Amino acid sequence: MDTTPQHRLNERIRTHQVRLVGDNIENQGVFPLKEALAMAQEMELDLVEISPNADPPVCKIIDYQKFLYQQKKKQKEMKAKAVKVTVKEIRFGPQTDDHDFQFKLRHAEKFLAEGAKVKAFVFFKGRSILFKEQGEILLLKFAQALEEIGKVEQMPQLEGKRMTMFISPKKKK
């Protein structure tokens, strides 16, 4: 684990003047470094350089360990709130019959209800590539059957021996 601090603190700050900000300071503004350090020592806290590229650098008088803890906590919360998108694949042949189509349609409805994206594709084996229009019609029919709960993200597109289409769930109101 990296033990070097990400911010300069106390005696490591190398400028003559700093701009103090924060809730625990009555008069915010530009101070000589020695005066800012004295204020931090008086409060038994650390002088932490928050924005080193500003002119003069911006500093806060805070408990540095508590500050790091809160930053880690914020990052964890943001990571937890990040949306994880799963993509479920549904495979068709160019001559998929109606029963199989309905079966796969029900699976796609379930996947979309769970919030996953659906990647529907028709796989052409051997000479079945001659039926690419049939494959496209099949995928469009599939998208039309799912238009209540999902929206087409990418129209059917032929890539090699596969014709692929992406459907994402509609946002709930």
C-alpha atoms as a PDB file:
ATOM      1  CA  MET A   1       0.000   0.000   0.000  1.00  0.00           C
ATOM      2  CA  ASP A   2       1.208   3.512  -0.834  1.00  0.00           C
ATOM      3  CA  THR A   3       2.055   5.413   2.364  1.00  0.00           C
ATOM      4  CA  THR A   4       3.196   8.699   0.788  1.00  0.00           C
ATOM      5  CA  PRO A   5       0.563  11.400   1.295  1.00  0.00           C
ATOM      6  CA  GLN A   6      -1.317  12.622  -1.790  1.00  0.00           C
ATOM      7  CA  HIS A   7      -1.342  16.164  -0.376  1.00  0.00           C
ATOM      8  CA  ARG A   8       1.456  18.235   1.097  1.00  0.00           C
ATOM      9  CA  LEU A   9       0.967  18.989   4.753  1.00  0.00           C
ATOM     10  CA  ASN A  10       2.418  21.203   7.434  1.00  0.00           C
ATOM     11  CA  GLU A  11       6.189  21.725   6.914  1.00  0.00           C
ATOM     12  CA  ARG A  12       6.159  20.085   3.452  1.00  0.00           C
ATOM     13  CA  ILE A  13       4.318  23.054   1.939  1.00  0.00           C
ATOM     14  CA  ARG A  14       6.951  25.063   0.040  1.00  0.00           C
ATOM     15  CA  THR A  15       5.370  28.487  -0.657  1.00  0.00           C
ATOM     16  CA  HIS A  16       5.622  31.778   1.195  1.00  0.00           C
ATOM     17  CA  GLN A  17       1.883  32.485   1.202  1.00  0.00           C
ATOM     18  CA  VAL A  18      -1.219  30.278   1.260  1.00  0.00           C
ATOM     19  CA  ARG A  19      -4.937  30.893   0.884  1.00  0.00           C
ATOM     20  CA  LEU A  20      -6.809  29.432   3.855  1.00  0.00           C
ATOM     21  CA  VAL A  21     -10.361  28.138   3.381  1.00  0.00           C
ATOM     22  CA  GLY A  22     -12.645  25.995   5.517  1.00  0.00           C
ATOM     23  CA  ASP A  23     -15.439  26.011   8.056  1.00  0.00           C
ATOM     24  CA  ASN A  24     -13.217  26.241  11.144  1.00  0.00           C
ATOM     25  CA  ILE A  25     -11.535  29.548  10.132  1.00  0.00           C
ATOM     26  CA  GLU A  26     -13.207  32.870  10.961  1.00  0.00           C
ATOM     27  CA  ASN A  27     -11.246  35.050   8.550  1.00  0.00           C
ATOM     28  CA  GLN A  28     -10.458  33.219   5.333  1.00  0.00           C
ATOM     29  CA  GLY A  29      -7.898  34.690   2.988  1.00  0.00           C
ATOM     30  CA  VAL A  30      -4.207  34.851   2.106  1.00  0.00           C
ATOM     31  CA  PHE A  31      -1.761  34.341   4.997  1.00  0.00           C
ATOM     32  CA  PRO A  32       1.996  33.910   5.313  1.00  0.00           C
ATOM     33  CA  LEU A  33       2.878  30.206   5.626  1.00  0.00           C
ATOM     34  CA  LYS A  34       4.316  30.597   9.161  1.00  0.00           C
ATOM     35  CA  GLU A  35       1.100  32.224  10.398  1.00  0.00           C
ATOM     36  CA  ALA A  36      -1.058  29.493   8.802  1.00  0.00           C
ATOM     37  CA  LEU A  37       1.119  26.778  10.392  1.00  0.00           C
ATOM     38  CA  ALA A  38       0.818  28.492  13.785  1.00  0.00           C
ATOM     39  CA  MET A  39      -2.989  28.598  13.427  1.00  0.00           C
ATOM     40  CA  ALA A  40      -3.047  24.867  12.574  1.00  0.00           C
ATOM     41  CA  GLN A  41      -0.826  23.988  15.562  1.00  0.00           C
ATOM     42  CA  GLU A  42      -2.991  26.092  17.856  1.00  0.00           C
ATOM     43  CA  MET A  43      -6.066  24.065  16.776  1.00  0.00           C
ATOM     44  CA  GLU A  44      -4.023  20.815  16.994  1.00  0.00           C
ATOM     45  CA  LEU A  45      -4.844  20.033  13.357  1.00  0.00           C
ATOM     46  CA  ASP A  46      -2.912  19.738  10.082  1.00  0.00           C
ATOM     47  CA  LEU A  47      -2.401  22.377   7.399  1.00  0.00           C
ATOM     48  CA  VAL A  48      -3.227  20.498   4.171  1.00  0.00           C
ATOM     49  CA  GLU A  49      -2.555  21.797   0.659  1.00  0.00           C
ATOM     50  CA  ILE A  50      -5.795  21.105  -1.226  1.00  0.00           C
ATOM     51  CA  SER A  51      -5.108  22.891  -4.520  1.00  0.00           C
ATOM     52  CA  PRO A  52      -1.344  23.238  -5.122  1.00  0.00           C
ATOM     53  CA  ASN A  53      -1.674  24.733  -8.626  1.00  0.00           C
ATOM     54  CA  ALA A  54      -3.643  27.798  -7.506  1.00  0.00           C
ATOM     55  CA  ASP A  55      -1.841  31.082  -6.914  1.00  0.00           C
ATOM     56  CA  PRO A  56      -1.362  31.188  -3.926  1.00  0.00           C
ATOM     57  CA  PRO A  57      -1.976  27.471  -3.138  1.00  0.00           C
ATOM     58  CA  VAL A  58      -5.246  26.730  -1.339  1.00  0.00           C
ATOM     59  CA  CYS A  59      -4.917  25.095   2.089  1.00  0.00           C
ATOM     60  CA  LYS A  60      -7.314  23.833   4.767  1.00  0.00           C
ATOM     61  CA  ILE A  61      -6.796  23.319   8.467  1.00  0.00           C
ATOM     62  CA  ILE A  62      -8.213  19.844   9.087  1.00  0.00           C
ATOM     63  CA  ASP A  63      -7.501  16.470  10.701  1.00  0.00           C
ATOM     64  CA  TYR A  64      -5.686  14.815   7.777  1.00  0.00           C
ATOM     65  CA  GLN A  65      -6.449  11.202   8.752  1.00  0.00           C
ATOM     66  CA  LYS A  66     -10.162  12.027   9.049  1.00  0.00           C
ATOM     67  CA  PHE A  67      -9.978  13.792   5.667  1.00  0.00           C
ATOM     68  CA  LEU A  68      -8.448  10.698   4.007  1.00  0.00           C
ATOM     69  CA  TYR A  69     -11.057   8.457   5.632  1.00  0.00           C
ATOM     70  CA  GLN A  70     -13.900  10.628   4.290  1.00  0.00           C
ATOM     71  CA  GLN A  71     -12.364  10.645   0.807  1.00  0.00           C
ATOM     72  CA  LYS A  72     -12.145   6.822   0.798  1.00  0.00           C
ATOM     73  CA  LYS A  73     -15.736   6.617   2.017  1.00  0.00           C
ATOM     74  CA  LYS A  74     -16.917   8.923  -0.805  1.00  0.00           C
ATOM     75  CA  GLN A  75     -15.071   6.832  -3.404  1.00  0.00           C
ATOM     76  CA  LYS A  76     -16.675   3.644  -2.054  1.00  0.00           C
ATOM     77  CA  GLU A  77     -20.137   5.227  -2.225  1.00  0.00           C
ATOM     78  CA  MET A  78     -19.555   6.391  -5.790  1.00  0.00           C
ATOM     79  CA  LYS A  79     -18.361   2.916  -6.763  1.00  0.00           C
ATOM     80  CA  ALA A  80     -21.445   1.340  -5.191  1.00  0.00           C
ATOM     81  CA  LYS A  81     -23.736   3.743  -7.046  1.00  0.00           C
ATOM     82  CA  ALA A  82     -22.074   3.013 -10.390  1.00  0.00           C
ATOM     83  CA  VAL A  83     -24.399   1.046 -12.644  1.00  0.00           C
ATOM     84  CA  LYS A  84     -23.160  -2.365 -13.633  1.00  0.00           C
ATOM     85  CA  VAL A  85     -24.551  -3.292 -17.043  1.00  0.00           C
ATOM     86  CA  THR A  86     -24.855  -6.940 -17.923  1.00  0.00           C
ATOM     87  CA  VAL A  87     -25.367  -8.091 -21.480  1.00  0.00           C
ATOM     88  CA  LYS A  88     -27.349 -11.274 -22.077  1.00  0.00           C
ATOM     89  CA  GLU A  89     -27.064 -12.997 -25.449  1.00  0.00           C
ATOM     90  CA  ILE A  90     -29.902 -14.643 -27.340  1.00  0.00           C
ATOM     91  CA  ARG A  91     -28.984 -16.669 -30.401  1.00  0.00           C
ATOM     92  CA  PHE A  92     -31.215 -17.419 -33.355  1.00  0.00           C
ATOM     93  CA  GLY A  93     -30.749 -19.367 -36.559  1.00  0.00           C
ATOM     94  CA  PRO A  94     -32.039 -17.846 -39.811  1.00  0.00           C
ATOM     95  CA  GLN A  95     -34.931 -20.334 -39.877  1.00  0.00           C
ATOM     96  CA  THR A  96     -35.970 -20.225 -36.206  1.00  0.00           C
ATOM     97  CA  ASP A  97     -39.549 -21.487 -35.908  1.00  0.00           C
ATOM     98  CA  ASP A  98     -42.316 -19.665 -34.031  1.00  0.00           C
ATOM     99  CA  HIS A  99     -42.222 -21.784 -30.862  1.00  0.00           C
ATOM    100  CA  ASP A 100     -38.466 -21.207 -30.368  1.00  0.00           C
ATOM    101  CA  PHE A 101     -38.951 -17.526 -31.161  1.00  0.00           C
ATOM    102  CA  GLN A 102     -41.633 -17.192 -28.432  1.00  0.00           C
ATOM    103  CA  PHE A 103     -39.459 -19.121 -25.957  1.00  0.00           C
ATOM    104  CA  LYS A 104     -36.484 -16.806 -26.575  1.00  0.00           C
ATOM    105  CA  LEU A 105     -38.749 -13.766 -26.498  1.00  0.00           C
ATOM    106  CA  ARG A 106     -39.894 -14.667 -22.957  1.00  0.00           C
ATOM    107  CA  HIS A 107     -36.243 -14.973 -21.885  1.00  0.00           C
ATOM    108  CA  ALA A 108     -35.457 -11.567 -23.385  1.00  0.00           C
ATOM    109  CA  GLU A 109     -38.441 -10.018 -21.574  1.00  0.00           C
ATOM    110  CA  LYS A 110     -37.148 -11.442 -18.285  1.00  0.00           C
ATOM    111  CA  PHE A 111     -33.628 -10.132 -18.946  1.00  0.00           C
ATOM    112  CA  LEU A 112     -34.896  -6.638 -19.797  1.00  0.00           C
ATOM    113  CA  ALA A 113     -37.118  -6.614 -16.690  1.00  0.00           C
ATOM    114  CA  GLU A 114     -33.997  -7.380 -14.602  1.00  0.00           C
ATOM    115  CA  GLY A 115     -32.273  -4.361 -16.186  1.00  0.00           C
ATOM    116  CA  ALA A 116     -29.837  -6.247 -18.430  1.00  0.00           C
ATOM    117  CA  LYS A 117     -29.155  -5.387 -22.065  1.00  0.00           C
ATOM    118  CA  VAL A 118     -29.996  -8.019 -24.651  1.00  0.00           C
ATOM    119  CA  LYS A 119     -27.700  -8.859 -27.541  1.00  0.00           C
ATOM    120  CA  ALA A 120     -29.816 -10.775 -30.053  1.00  0.00           C
ATOM    121  CA  PHE A 121     -27.992 -12.319 -32.963  1.00  0.00           C
ATOM    122  CA  VAL A 122     -28.634 -14.600 -35.880  1.00  0.00           C
ATOM    123  CA  PHE A 123     -25.777 -16.964 -36.609  1.00  0.00           C
ATOM    124  CA  PHE A 124     -25.416 -18.059 -40.220  1.00  0.00           C
ATOM    125  CA  LYS A 125     -23.773 -21.459 -40.753  1.00  0.00           C
ATOM    126  CA  GLY A 126     -22.375 -22.504 -44.107  1.00  0.00           C
ATOM    127  CA  ARG A 127     -24.614 -21.434 -46.983  1.00  0.00           C
ATOM    128  CA  SER A 128     -27.355 -20.095 -44.696  1.00  0.00           C
ATOM    129  CA  ILE A 129     -25.724 -16.662 -45.237  1.00  0.00           C
ATOM    130  CA  LEU A 130     -27.954 -16.572 -48.341  1.00  0.00           C
ATOM    131  CA  PHE A 131     -30.887 -15.986 -45.953  1.00  0.00           C
ATOM    132  CA  LYS A 132     -29.547 -12.772 -44.416  1.00  0.00           C
ATOM    133  CA  GLU A 133     -32.813 -10.945 -45.249  1.00  0.00           C
ATOM    134  CA  GLN A 134     -34.668 -13.616 -43.248  1.00  0.00           C
ATOM    135  CA  GLY A 135     -32.300 -13.034 -40.331  1.00  0.00           C
ATOM    136  CA  GLU A 136     -32.850  -9.294 -40.451  1.00  0.00           C
ATOM    137  CA  ILE A 137     -36.640  -9.749 -40.587  1.00  0.00           C
ATOM    138  CA  LEU A 138     -36.410 -12.103 -37.595  1.00  0.00           C
ATOM    139  CA  LEU A 139     -34.422  -9.566 -35.529  1.00  0.00           C
ATOM    140  CA  LEU A 140     -36.760  -6.699 -36.456  1.00  0.00           C
ATOM    141  CA  LYS A 141     -39.752  -8.847 -35.481  1.00  0.00           C
ATOM    142  CA  PHE A 142     -37.964  -9.567 -32.181  1.00  0.00           C
ATOM    143  CA  ALA A 143     -37.375  -5.837 -31.567  1.00  0.00           C
ATOM    144  CA  GLN A 144     -41.005  -5.044 -32.400  1.00  0.00           C
ATOM    145  CA  ALA A 145     -42.223  -7.666 -29.905  1.00  0.00           C
ATOM    146  CA  LEU A 146     -40.038  -6.070 -27.201  1.00  0.00           C
ATOM    147  CA  GLU A 147     -40.795  -2.408 -27.959  1.00  0.00           C
ATOM    148  CA  GLU A 148     -43.008  -2.092 -24.830  1.00  0.00           C
ATOM    149  CA  ILE A 149     -40.162  -2.845 -22.407  1.00  0.00           C
ATOM    150  CA  GLY A 150     -36.998  -2.178 -24.417  1.00  0.00           C
ATOM    151  CA  LYS A 151     -35.589   0.155 -27.020  1.00  0.00           C
ATOM    152  CA  VAL A 152     -33.307  -0.770 -29.893  1.00  0.00           C
ATOM    153  CA  GLU A 153     -29.820   0.528 -29.230  1.00  0.00           C
ATOM    154  CA  GLN A 154     -28.325  -0.758 -32.466  1.00  0.00           C
ATOM    155  CA  MET A 155     -30.225  -1.866 -35.550  1.00  0.00           C
ATOM    156  CA  PRO A 156     -29.374  -5.291 -37.052  1.00  0.00           C
ATOM    157  CA  GLN A 157     -25.848  -5.239 -38.414  1.00  0.00           C
ATOM    158  CA  LEU A 158     -24.052  -8.006 -40.273  1.00  0.00           C
ATOM    159  CA  GLU A 159     -20.552  -8.753 -38.950  1.00  0.00           C
ATOM    160  CA  GLY A 160     -19.026 -11.776 -40.620  1.00  0.00           C
ATOM    161  CA  LYS A 161     -21.389 -14.712 -40.079  1.00  0.00           C
ATOM    162  CA  ARG A 162     -23.481 -12.995 -37.404  1.00  0.00           C
ATOM    163  CA  MET A 163     -26.186 -10.375 -37.636  1.00  0.00           C
ATOM    164  CA  THR A 164     -26.319  -8.566 -34.287  1.00  0.00           C
ATOM    165  CA  MET A 165     -28.796  -6.207 -32.636  1.00  0.00           C
ATOM    166  CA  PHE A 166     -28.700  -4.619 -29.160  1.00  0.00           C
ATOM    167  CA  ILE A 167     -31.782  -3.869 -27.081  1.00  0.00           C
ATOM    168  CA  SER A 168     -31.601  -1.983 -23.782  1.00  0.00           C
ATOM    169  CA  PRO A 169     -34.328  -1.762 -21.126  1.00  0.00           C
ATOM    170  CA  LYS A 170     -36.562   1.317 -21.134  1.00  0.00           C
ATOM    171  CA  LYS A 171     -36.213   3.600 -18.147  1.00  0.00           C
ATOM    172  CA  LYS A 172     -38.947   3.221 -15.551  1.00  0.00           C
ATOM    173  CA  LYS A 173     -40.935   6.387 -14.935  1.00  0.00           C
END
